[in-house]
Amino acid sequence: MARDFDVIVVGSGGAGHAAANAAREKGASVLVLEAASKVGGTTSMAGGVVYAAGTSVQRAAGVHDSADALFEHYMTFNQWLLEPAIVRRYCDESAPAIEWLIGMGVVYKPEKLYRAGVEPVPRGHLAEGYGYEYLNTVHNHAAGRGVEFACNSRVERLLTDSKDRVIGVRAAGEELSCGAVVLACGGLGANRELLREYYPDAAKHDDWHHYIGAPTNHGDAVQLGVAVGAAVARSSWNQGVLLRAPHFNNTEVEGFMPPWLVFVNQEGRRFADETAPYAVMDGLINHQTGQRCCAILDHAMFTGADGDSQYADPFNPGARCPNWEHANLEKQLSRGRVVKGETLAELAQIAGIHAGALKANVERYNDAVARGRDDQFFKDMRRTMPIVHAPFYATELRAVTMVNSSVGLEIDAEARVENQSDTAIPGLYAAGEAVGGVVGKYIGGGNSLGCGVIFGRIAGSNAAAEALSRR
């Protein structure tokens, strides 16, 4: 019986494009269905960083790394709570995936290797032109080789035969047949109902929830997969990758904060080096009472935070910290999201902080600034300022900006979707944020897109092989 396509890929982000390119390389006819009005998904909005080890880009930068070292870091950081076979596959295929992308025209400059702060060596491969240019490159490669794309085409259900083999999809009111389907349609970050069901930690911060993925990520992969018997997996940590952000953050996502900020918890105590990498700081904030803290500023910081180099991102030269510039702070003060006190005691009362501890911790911090040495948390004090000029200000911080929900379909190392009996569902593959249990605890910049590219490539190749064997 004639089929419409050999492989249908659902979703056109990083994972979907990887699957489509890989399937087309195997000689399969490929259709990519996208729910949005244009291709790209979350990848087109992201930095375009892929986390990989043992690449030619690293070697050119003089970085010595390997898949073995990456595997040890990945598993140790996650306390071996992720499936070793899947993580091993990620590590072994990470360098070949980078070379594959370079072959398509994606540009990685050695000097742009990215380190988020928790990995031992730089492993974040930052695409020239960021996610937008990365997406354009892999899209043009796919379209130029005959991959077809259809936007405004949300998949409503998967089609199966009498043996429960996936044989097609129903999308935009039309049924399309194929030899295999790859689900690469993102996670469930834009679906509050599914978040409450699968990611209750995010639901705790419902009023603060800030998802920076594609607004079309409604959990389609989970819903489509469950309807045909697929198992749902989630990170053993039951958390996504969270970036800390002030609750007045409307458009700017800042992974790092300016070095002059001082953080205290509800008890009024400092609890960390405020310039700690976001992968570390997020967990520290979540371990404080109420999973919150406050950033403390004095009037000199408040009025002087104008984007000057003194106030720039401490880890990325030339980058600004727009949330902390004077104009925005004034705006948020008028909205009540920044509070002010004429004294530290008054500020503590307004912000709900223990006044005595706040006063003692600020005095200790000011002494560290004067001495140029933080004996408590060993913060680099070269670009810090004392908190001495009244009035004083505070704004609450929580780790609530979600990038990856870490909830998705269960797969094996071949990217085959599995059912509750740990058996592969014939004709069904998945990759990227549609997959759960691969991106666990945040191990470094590019882990999410890396998962999409690596397993998208595996899924597309295997889906094509299965489809072509059954023509």
Protein backbone atom coordinates (compact mmCIF):
# COMPACT_ATOMS: atom_id res chain seq x y z
CA MET A 1 0.00 0.00 0.00
CA ALA A 2 1.46 3.35 -1.03
CA ARG A 3 2.45 5.74 1.75
CA ASP A 4 2.61 9.51 1.70
CA PHE A 5 6.10 9.75 3.21
CA ASP A 6 8.71 7.39 4.57
CA VAL A 7 9.26 9.47 7.72
CA ILE A 8 7.11 12.14 9.32
CA VAL A 9 8.83 14.38 11.87
CA VAL A 10 6.61 16.26 14.32
CA GLY A 11 8.26 19.53 15.33
CA SER A 12 10.78 21.76 13.55
CA GLY A 13 13.22 22.82 16.28
CA GLY A 14 16.74 21.53 16.78
CA ALA A 15 15.65 17.93 17.32
CA GLY A 16 13.20 17.96 14.43
CA HIS A 17 15.72 19.37 11.97
CA ALA A 18 18.35 16.89 13.08
CA ALA A 19 15.91 14.01 12.59
CA ALA A 20 14.80 15.31 9.19
CA ASN A 21 18.35 15.78 7.91
CA ALA A 22 19.44 12.36 9.16
CA ALA A 23 16.43 10.58 7.66
CA ARG A 24 16.90 12.32 4.33
CA GLU A 25 20.57 11.33 4.28
CA LYS A 26 19.41 7.70 4.44
CA GLY A 27 17.30 8.21 1.34
CA ALA A 28 13.91 8.53 3.02
CA SER A 29 11.22 10.96 1.91
CA VAL A 30 10.56 13.28 4.84
CA LEU A 31 7.79 15.62 5.93
CA VAL A 32 8.18 17.93 8.93
CA LEU A 33 4.96 19.13 10.57
CA GLU A 34 5.05 22.28 12.71
CA ALA A 35 2.21 23.61 14.88
CA ALA A 36 3.43 27.21 14.70
CA SER A 37 3.22 29.54 11.73
CA LYS A 38 6.96 29.25 11.09
CA VAL A 39 9.70 26.70 11.69
CA GLY A 40 12.23 26.87 14.50
CA GLY A 41 10.59 26.08 17.82
CA THR A 42 12.58 26.91 20.93
CA THR A 43 15.89 26.49 19.10
CA SER A 44 15.39 29.63 17.01
CA MET A 45 14.97 31.60 20.26
CA ALA A 46 17.95 30.06 22.05
CA GLY A 47 21.69 30.58 22.08
CA GLY A 48 22.41 27.70 19.73
CA VAL A 49 24.82 25.99 22.14
CA VAL A 50 25.45 22.23 21.83
CA TYR A 51 27.15 20.43 24.73
CA ALA A 52 29.79 18.04 23.39
CA ALA A 53 33.21 16.57 24.19
CA GLY A 54 36.23 15.56 22.15
CA THR A 55 35.49 17.81 19.18
CA SER A 56 37.73 19.42 16.60
CA VAL A 57 36.60 22.81 17.93
CA GLN A 58 37.91 21.95 21.39
CA ARG A 59 41.18 20.67 19.98
CA ALA A 60 41.61 23.90 18.02
CA ALA A 61 41.15 25.80 21.29
CA GLY A 62 43.69 23.61 23.08
CA VAL A 63 41.03 21.90 25.22
CA HIS A 64 41.70 18.25 25.98
CA ASP A 65 38.46 16.37 26.43
CA SER A 66 36.83 13.03 25.63
CA ALA A 67 33.55 11.13 25.61
CA ASP A 68 34.81 9.15 28.61
CA ALA A 69 35.40 12.33 30.62
CA LEU A 70 31.99 13.66 29.64
CA PHE A 71 30.31 10.40 30.67
CA GLU A 72 31.97 10.48 34.08
CA HIS A 73 30.92 14.11 34.63
CA TYR A 74 27.36 13.54 33.33
CA MET A 75 26.72 10.47 35.50
CA THR A 76 28.49 11.71 38.62
CA PHE A 77 26.72 15.06 38.54
CA ASN A 78 23.42 13.18 38.30
CA GLN A 79 24.47 10.67 41.00
CA TRP A 80 23.97 7.83 38.49
CA LEU A 81 20.21 8.35 38.56
CA LEU A 82 19.97 8.54 34.77
CA GLU A 83 20.10 5.47 32.55
CA PRO A 84 23.80 4.86 31.77
CA ALA A 85 23.19 3.39 28.30
CA ILE A 86 21.37 6.51 27.11
CA VAL A 87 23.89 8.90 28.66
CA ARG A 88 26.75 6.88 27.15
CA ARG A 89 25.14 7.17 23.73
CA TYR A 90 24.86 10.94 24.17
CA CYS A 91 28.54 11.19 25.10
CA ASP A 92 29.82 8.94 22.30
CA GLU A 93 27.74 10.69 19.64
CA SER A 94 28.33 14.27 20.81
CA ALA A 95 31.58 14.90 18.91
CA PRO A 96 30.35 13.23 15.68
CA ALA A 97 27.21 15.38 15.92
CA ILE A 98 29.30 18.57 16.03
CA GLU A 99 31.32 17.49 12.99
CA TRP A 100 28.04 16.62 11.23
CA LEU A 101 26.68 20.09 11.92
CA ILE A 102 29.92 21.70 10.73
CA GLY A 103 29.51 19.73 7.53
CA MET A 104 26.09 21.33 7.06
CA GLY A 105 27.60 24.78 7.41
CA VAL A 106 27.14 25.58 11.11
CA VAL A 107 30.13 27.68 12.24
CA TYR A 108 31.75 27.07 15.64
CA LYS A 109 34.68 29.30 16.55
CA PRO A 110 37.16 27.87 19.11
CA GLU A 111 37.28 31.17 20.98
CA LYS A 112 33.49 31.00 21.47
CA LEU A 113 33.52 27.73 23.42
CA TYR A 114 31.17 28.25 26.35
CA ARG A 115 31.54 27.19 29.99
CA ALA A 116 28.54 27.56 32.29
CA GLY A 117 30.66 27.12 35.39
CA VAL A 118 29.97 23.56 36.56
CA GLU A 119 31.81 21.60 33.88
CA PRO A 120 35.60 21.03 34.19
CA VAL A 121 36.40 22.29 30.67
CA PRO A 122 34.51 24.35 28.06
CA ARG A 123 32.03 22.05 26.30
CA GLY A 124 29.34 24.47 25.15
CA HIS A 125 29.72 24.85 21.37
CA LEU A 126 28.19 28.23 20.53
CA ALA A 127 27.01 28.55 16.94
CA GLU A 128 27.98 31.71 15.12
CA GLY A 129 24.81 33.79 14.86
CA TYR A 130 23.31 31.99 17.86
CA GLY A 131 20.17 29.84 17.62
CA TYR A 132 18.58 31.89 14.85
CA GLU A 133 21.48 31.44 12.42
CA TYR A 134 21.99 27.84 13.53
CA LEU A 135 18.37 27.08 12.71
CA ASN A 136 18.57 28.83 9.34
CA THR A 137 21.62 26.78 8.38
CA VAL A 138 20.19 23.35 9.22
CA HIS A 139 16.82 24.32 7.74
CA ASN A 140 18.33 25.39 4.43
CA HIS A 141 20.33 22.18 4.35
CA ALA A 142 17.18 20.11 4.82
CA ALA A 143 14.96 22.06 2.45
CA GLY A 144 17.66 22.10 -0.21
CA ARG A 145 17.77 18.31 -0.14
CA GLY A 146 14.07 17.73 -0.51
CA VAL A 147 12.70 17.68 3.04
CA GLU A 148 9.16 19.08 2.98
CA PHE A 149 7.79 21.39 5.70
CA ALA A 150 4.20 22.21 6.64
CA CYS A 151 3.45 24.87 9.26
CA ASN A 152 0.18 25.52 11.09
CA SER A 153 -0.16 21.75 11.22
CA ARG A 154 -0.51 20.54 14.80
CA VAL A 155 -0.67 16.75 15.00
CA GLU A 156 -3.93 15.59 16.58
CA ARG A 157 -3.18 11.89 16.95
CA LEU A 158 -0.95 9.05 15.81
CA LEU A 159 -2.33 6.39 13.49
CA THR A 160 -1.64 2.72 14.24
CA ASP A 161 -2.38 -0.59 12.56
CA SER A 162 -3.80 -3.80 14.04
CA LYS A 163 -0.37 -4.68 15.47
CA ASP A 164 -0.03 -1.31 17.24
CA ARG A 165 2.61 -0.14 14.78
CA VAL A 166 2.63 3.62 14.21
CA ILE A 167 1.83 4.14 10.53
CA GLY A 168 0.96 7.81 10.25
CA VAL A 169 -0.55 10.93 11.79
CA ARG A 170 -3.69 13.00 11.69
CA ALA A 171 -2.81 16.68 11.41
CA ALA A 172 -4.90 19.73 10.53
CA GLY A 173 -7.84 17.44 9.79
CA GLU A 174 -5.94 15.25 7.33
CA GLU A 175 -4.54 11.74 7.67
CA LEU A 176 -1.02 11.10 6.36
CA SER A 177 0.60 7.68 6.16
CA CYS A 178 4.28 6.89 6.68
CA GLY A 179 6.75 4.19 7.64
CA ALA A 180 7.82 5.81 10.93
CA VAL A 181 7.17 8.91 13.03
CA VAL A 182 9.67 10.99 15.02
CA LEU A 183 8.18 13.09 17.82
CA ALA A 184 10.35 16.18 18.26
CA CYS A 185 7.68 18.69 19.22
CA GLY A 186 9.16 20.03 22.45
CA GLY A 187 8.11 19.75 26.06
CA LEU A 188 5.17 20.89 28.13
CA GLY A 189 6.41 24.21 29.46
CA ALA A 190 3.56 26.19 27.91
CA ASN A 191 0.86 23.89 29.29
CA ARG A 192 0.06 24.80 32.90
CA GLU A 193 -2.28 21.83 33.37
CA LEU A 194 0.34 19.28 32.32
CA LEU A 195 2.97 21.07 34.39
CA ARG A 196 0.81 20.64 37.47
CA GLU A 197 0.46 16.94 36.67
CA TYR A 198 4.03 16.08 35.67
CA TYR A 199 6.14 18.86 37.19
CA PRO A 200 4.50 19.90 40.48
CA ASP A 201 7.59 21.86 41.60
CA ALA A 202 6.93 24.35 38.81
CA ALA A 203 3.29 24.62 39.84
CA LYS A 204 4.38 25.88 43.27
CA HIS A 205 5.48 29.09 41.56
CA ASP A 206 2.46 29.37 39.28
CA ASP A 207 2.18 33.15 39.62
CA TRP A 208 5.88 33.54 38.88
CA HIS A 209 6.24 30.90 36.18
CA HIS A 210 8.30 32.13 33.25
CA TYR A 211 8.78 29.77 30.32
CA ILE A 212 11.23 30.86 27.64
CA GLY A 213 10.54 28.05 25.19
CA ALA A 214 8.22 28.11 22.20
CA PRO A 215 4.63 29.05 23.15
CA THR A 216 3.41 26.08 21.09
CA ASN A 217 5.09 23.58 23.45
CA HIS A 218 1.88 22.18 24.93
CA GLY A 219 3.13 18.69 25.71
CA ASP A 220 1.95 17.20 22.43
CA ALA A 221 4.60 14.47 22.47
CA VAL A 222 3.49 13.24 25.89
CA GLN A 223 -0.20 13.29 24.94
CA LEU A 224 0.32 11.68 21.53
CA GLY A 225 2.66 9.04 22.94
CA VAL A 226 0.52 8.13 25.93
CA ALA A 227 -2.45 7.64 23.58
CA VAL A 228 -0.57 4.77 21.88
CA GLY A 229 0.77 3.25 25.09
CA ALA A 230 4.07 5.08 25.56
CA ALA A 231 5.67 5.43 28.98
CA VAL A 232 6.48 8.87 30.38
CA ALA A 233 9.89 9.51 31.89
CA ARG A 234 11.13 12.48 33.85
CA SER A 235 14.40 13.56 35.34
CA SER A 236 15.22 11.70 38.52
CA TRP A 237 15.58 15.17 40.02
CA ASN A 238 12.04 16.12 38.99
CA GLN A 239 13.22 19.52 37.89
CA GLY A 240 13.91 21.39 34.73
CA VAL A 241 16.82 23.62 33.95
CA LEU A 242 15.99 26.79 35.85
CA LEU A 243 17.59 30.19 35.51
CA ARG A 244 17.15 32.56 38.39
CA ALA A 245 15.35 35.77 37.52
CA PRO A 246 13.74 38.67 39.36
CA HIS A 247 9.96 38.55 39.23
CA PHE A 248 9.92 41.80 37.28
CA ASN A 249 11.75 40.06 34.43
CA ASN A 250 9.57 40.69 31.38
CA THR A 251 11.83 40.17 28.39
CA GLU A 252 15.40 39.73 29.58
CA VAL A 253 16.70 36.37 30.78
CA GLU A 254 19.95 36.82 32.69
CA GLY A 255 21.91 33.73 33.62
CA PHE A 256 24.42 35.78 35.59
CA MET A 257 23.95 38.70 37.92
CA PRO A 258 26.12 41.82 38.33
CA PRO A 259 28.85 41.25 40.94
CA TRP A 260 27.83 44.07 43.26
CA LEU A 261 24.52 42.49 44.28
CA VAL A 262 24.15 40.96 47.74
CA PHE A 263 21.73 38.07 48.34
CA VAL A 264 20.13 37.26 51.69
CA ASN A 265 17.52 34.69 52.64
CA GLN A 266 14.41 35.19 54.72
CA GLU A 267 16.52 34.81 57.86
CA GLY A 268 18.57 37.82 56.73
CA ARG A 269 21.72 35.83 56.05
CA ARG A 270 23.99 35.69 53.01
CA PHE A 271 24.10 32.12 51.77
CA ALA A 272 26.39 32.08 48.72
CA ASP A 273 28.90 33.84 46.51
CA GLU A 274 26.46 35.98 44.52
CA THR A 275 28.46 35.46 41.31
CA ALA A 276 28.13 31.65 41.47
CA PRO A 277 27.18 30.01 38.15
CA TYR A 278 23.44 29.90 37.57
CA ALA A 279 23.49 26.11 37.57
CA VAL A 280 24.66 26.31 41.18
CA MET A 281 22.78 29.39 42.37
CA ASP A 282 19.40 28.04 41.31
CA GLY A 283 19.74 25.07 43.63
CA LEU A 284 20.97 27.28 46.44
CA ILE A 285 17.96 29.58 46.12
CA ASN A 286 15.61 26.60 46.10
CA HIS A 287 17.14 25.37 49.35
CA GLN A 288 16.31 28.59 51.19
CA THR A 289 13.14 29.05 53.24
CA GLY A 290 10.24 29.50 50.85
CA GLN A 291 12.57 28.84 47.89
CA ARG A 292 13.24 32.56 47.71
CA CYS A 293 15.79 35.20 48.57
CA CYS A 294 16.22 38.96 48.24
CA ALA A 295 18.79 41.03 46.41
CA ILE A 296 19.87 44.03 48.51
CA LEU A 297 21.01 47.37 47.04
CA ASP A 298 21.88 50.72 48.47
CA HIS A 299 21.09 54.06 46.83
CA ALA A 300 24.45 54.28 45.05
CA MET A 301 23.85 50.91 43.41
CA PHE A 302 20.24 51.77 42.62
CA THR A 303 21.02 55.07 40.89
CA GLY A 304 24.36 54.06 39.40
CA ALA A 305 23.26 50.81 37.76
CA ASP A 306 23.26 52.28 34.28
CA GLY A 307 24.91 49.64 32.10
CA ASP A 308 28.45 50.91 32.66
CA SER A 309 31.16 48.22 32.62
CA GLN A 310 31.09 48.26 36.40
CA TYR A 311 27.60 46.79 36.22
CA ALA A 312 28.04 44.40 33.32
CA ASP A 313 27.69 40.64 33.29
CA PRO A 314 30.78 39.34 35.15
CA PHE A 315 31.17 36.23 32.97
CA ASN A 316 30.51 37.58 29.49
CA PRO A 317 32.58 40.67 28.60
CA GLY A 318 30.54 43.45 27.07
CA ALA A 319 27.18 41.96 28.06
CA ARG A 320 24.77 44.18 29.97
CA CYS A 321 22.45 43.25 32.85
CA PRO A 322 19.32 45.16 31.77
CA ASN A 323 17.17 44.08 34.71
CA TRP A 324 19.52 45.93 37.05
CA GLU A 325 19.86 49.19 35.16
CA HIS A 326 18.54 52.32 36.87
CA ALA A 327 15.58 52.95 34.57
CA ASN A 328 14.21 49.45 35.06
CA LEU A 329 14.79 49.52 38.82
CA GLU A 330 12.86 52.80 39.04
CA LYS A 331 10.02 51.30 37.02
CA GLN A 332 9.83 48.24 39.26
CA LEU A 333 9.98 50.41 42.38
CA SER A 334 6.86 52.22 41.17
CA ARG A 335 5.16 48.85 40.64
CA GLY A 336 6.04 47.64 44.12
CA ARG A 337 8.34 44.89 42.90
CA VAL A 338 11.31 46.69 44.36
CA VAL A 339 10.80 47.91 47.94
CA LYS A 340 12.60 50.74 49.75
CA GLY A 341 13.48 51.52 53.35
CA GLU A 342 15.22 54.54 54.84
CA THR A 343 17.16 52.19 57.12
CA LEU A 344 18.11 48.53 56.89
CA ALA A 345 15.73 47.81 59.78
CA GLU A 346 12.84 49.44 57.91
CA LEU A 347 13.77 47.61 54.71
CA ALA A 348 13.86 44.29 56.59
CA GLN A 349 10.37 44.88 57.99
CA ILE A 350 8.93 45.73 54.56
CA ALA A 351 10.67 42.80 52.81
CA GLY A 352 9.94 40.25 55.52
CA ILE A 353 13.58 39.69 56.45
CA HIS A 354 15.05 39.24 59.94
CA ALA A 355 16.30 42.75 60.77
CA GLY A 356 19.10 41.86 63.18
CA ALA A 357 20.66 39.26 60.90
CA LEU A 358 20.38 41.57 57.88
CA LYS A 359 22.23 44.34 59.72
CA ALA A 360 24.97 41.94 60.90
CA ASN A 361 25.39 40.35 57.47
CA VAL A 362 25.58 43.70 55.69
CA GLU A 363 28.22 44.89 58.17
CA ARG A 364 30.24 41.72 57.62
CA TYR A 365 29.91 42.11 53.84
CA ASN A 366 30.97 45.76 53.94
CA ASP A 367 34.05 44.74 55.91
CA ALA A 368 34.86 42.15 53.24
CA VAL A 369 34.56 44.83 50.53
CA ALA A 370 36.93 47.10 52.47
CA ARG A 371 39.47 44.32 52.98
CA GLY A 372 39.04 42.97 49.44
CA ARG A 373 38.55 39.46 50.80
CA ASP A 374 35.39 37.45 51.48
CA ASP A 375 36.33 34.91 54.16
CA GLN A 376 32.77 33.56 54.28
CA PHE A 377 31.96 32.60 50.66
CA PHE A 378 35.21 33.59 48.88
CA LYS A 379 33.54 35.88 46.39
CA ASP A 380 35.86 37.85 44.11
CA MET A 381 35.56 41.31 45.68
CA ARG A 382 37.30 43.34 42.99
CA ARG A 383 34.05 44.64 41.45
CA THR A 384 31.90 44.94 44.54
CA MET A 385 30.52 47.93 46.47
CA PRO A 386 29.62 48.40 50.14
CA ILE A 387 26.00 48.81 51.16
CA VAL A 388 26.17 52.13 53.00
CA HIS A 389 24.12 54.81 51.25
CA ALA A 390 20.49 55.24 52.34
CA PRO A 391 17.81 54.59 51.28
CA PHE A 392 18.12 50.84 50.81
CA TYR A 393 16.31 48.59 48.36
CA ALA A 394 15.35 44.91 48.01
CA THR A 395 13.68 42.73 45.42
CA GLU A 396 12.69 39.11 45.71
CA LEU A 397 14.35 36.41 43.57
CA ARG A 398 13.22 32.89 42.80
CA ALA A 399 14.52 30.23 40.42
CA VAL A 400 11.44 30.10 38.23
CA THR A 401 12.46 30.65 34.62
CA MET A 402 12.07 27.28 32.94
CA VAL A 403 13.98 26.20 29.87
CA ASN A 404 13.48 22.44 29.92
CA SER A 405 10.78 20.58 31.82
CA SER A 406 12.75 17.30 31.79
CA VAL A 407 9.46 15.44 31.30
CA GLY A 408 8.82 13.46 28.14
CA LEU A 409 8.55 10.08 26.51
CA GLU A 410 10.74 7.20 27.58
CA ILE A 411 13.24 6.11 24.93
CA ASP A 412 16.07 3.61 24.61
CA ALA A 413 19.57 4.36 23.32
CA GLU A 414 18.29 4.07 19.73
CA ALA A 415 15.69 6.81 20.35
CA ARG A 416 12.85 4.29 20.08
CA VAL A 417 9.84 5.20 22.22
CA GLU A 418 9.11 2.53 24.80
CA ASN A 419 5.85 1.40 26.39
CA GLN A 420 5.19 0.54 30.03
CA SER A 421 6.70 -2.92 29.47
CA ASP A 422 10.02 -1.40 28.35
CA THR A 423 9.37 -2.57 24.80
CA ALA A 424 9.88 -0.36 21.77
CA ILE A 425 6.71 0.79 20.02
CA PRO A 426 7.20 -0.08 16.32
CA GLY A 427 7.46 2.94 14.07
CA LEU A 428 7.76 5.55 16.85
CA TYR A 429 10.87 7.56 17.80
CA ALA A 430 11.44 10.70 19.85
CA ALA A 431 14.13 13.29 20.54
CA GLY A 432 14.81 16.61 22.23
CA GLU A 433 12.55 17.99 24.93
CA ALA A 434 9.89 15.49 23.84
CA VAL A 435 12.06 12.94 25.66
CA GLY A 436 12.29 12.59 29.44
CA GLY A 437 15.06 11.32 31.66
CA VAL A 438 17.99 12.34 29.45
CA VAL A 439 18.51 15.94 30.54
CA GLY A 440 18.77 15.50 34.29
CA LYS A 441 20.54 17.89 36.62
CA TYR A 442 22.01 20.77 34.62
CA ILE A 443 25.55 19.80 33.59
CA GLY A 444 26.48 22.73 31.37
CA GLY A 445 25.43 25.09 28.58
CA GLY A 446 23.97 23.28 25.56
CA ASN A 447 22.80 20.09 27.27
CA SER A 448 19.21 20.56 26.06
CA LEU A 449 20.00 21.33 22.41
CA GLY A 450 22.68 18.65 22.56
CA CYS A 451 20.03 16.12 23.50
CA GLY A 452 17.90 17.32 20.61
CA VAL A 453 20.64 17.18 18.00
CA ILE A 454 22.22 13.90 19.11
CA PHE A 455 19.06 11.90 19.61
CA GLY A 456 17.34 13.66 16.72
CA ARG A 457 20.10 12.41 14.47
CA ILE A 458 19.80 8.89 15.92
CA ALA A 459 16.00 8.94 15.69
CA GLY A 460 15.94 10.16 12.10
CA SER A 461 18.49 7.63 10.96
CA ASN A 462 16.74 4.71 12.66
CA ALA A 463 13.27 5.83 11.59
CA ALA A 464 14.46 5.97 7.98
CA ALA A 465 16.04 2.53 8.23
CA GLU A 466 12.82 1.04 9.62
CA ALA A 467 10.62 2.82 7.10
CA LEU A 468 12.76 1.86 4.10
CA SER A 469 12.91 -1.76 5.20
CA ARG A 470 9.12 -1.90 5.04
CA ARG A 471 8.47 -0.21 1.70
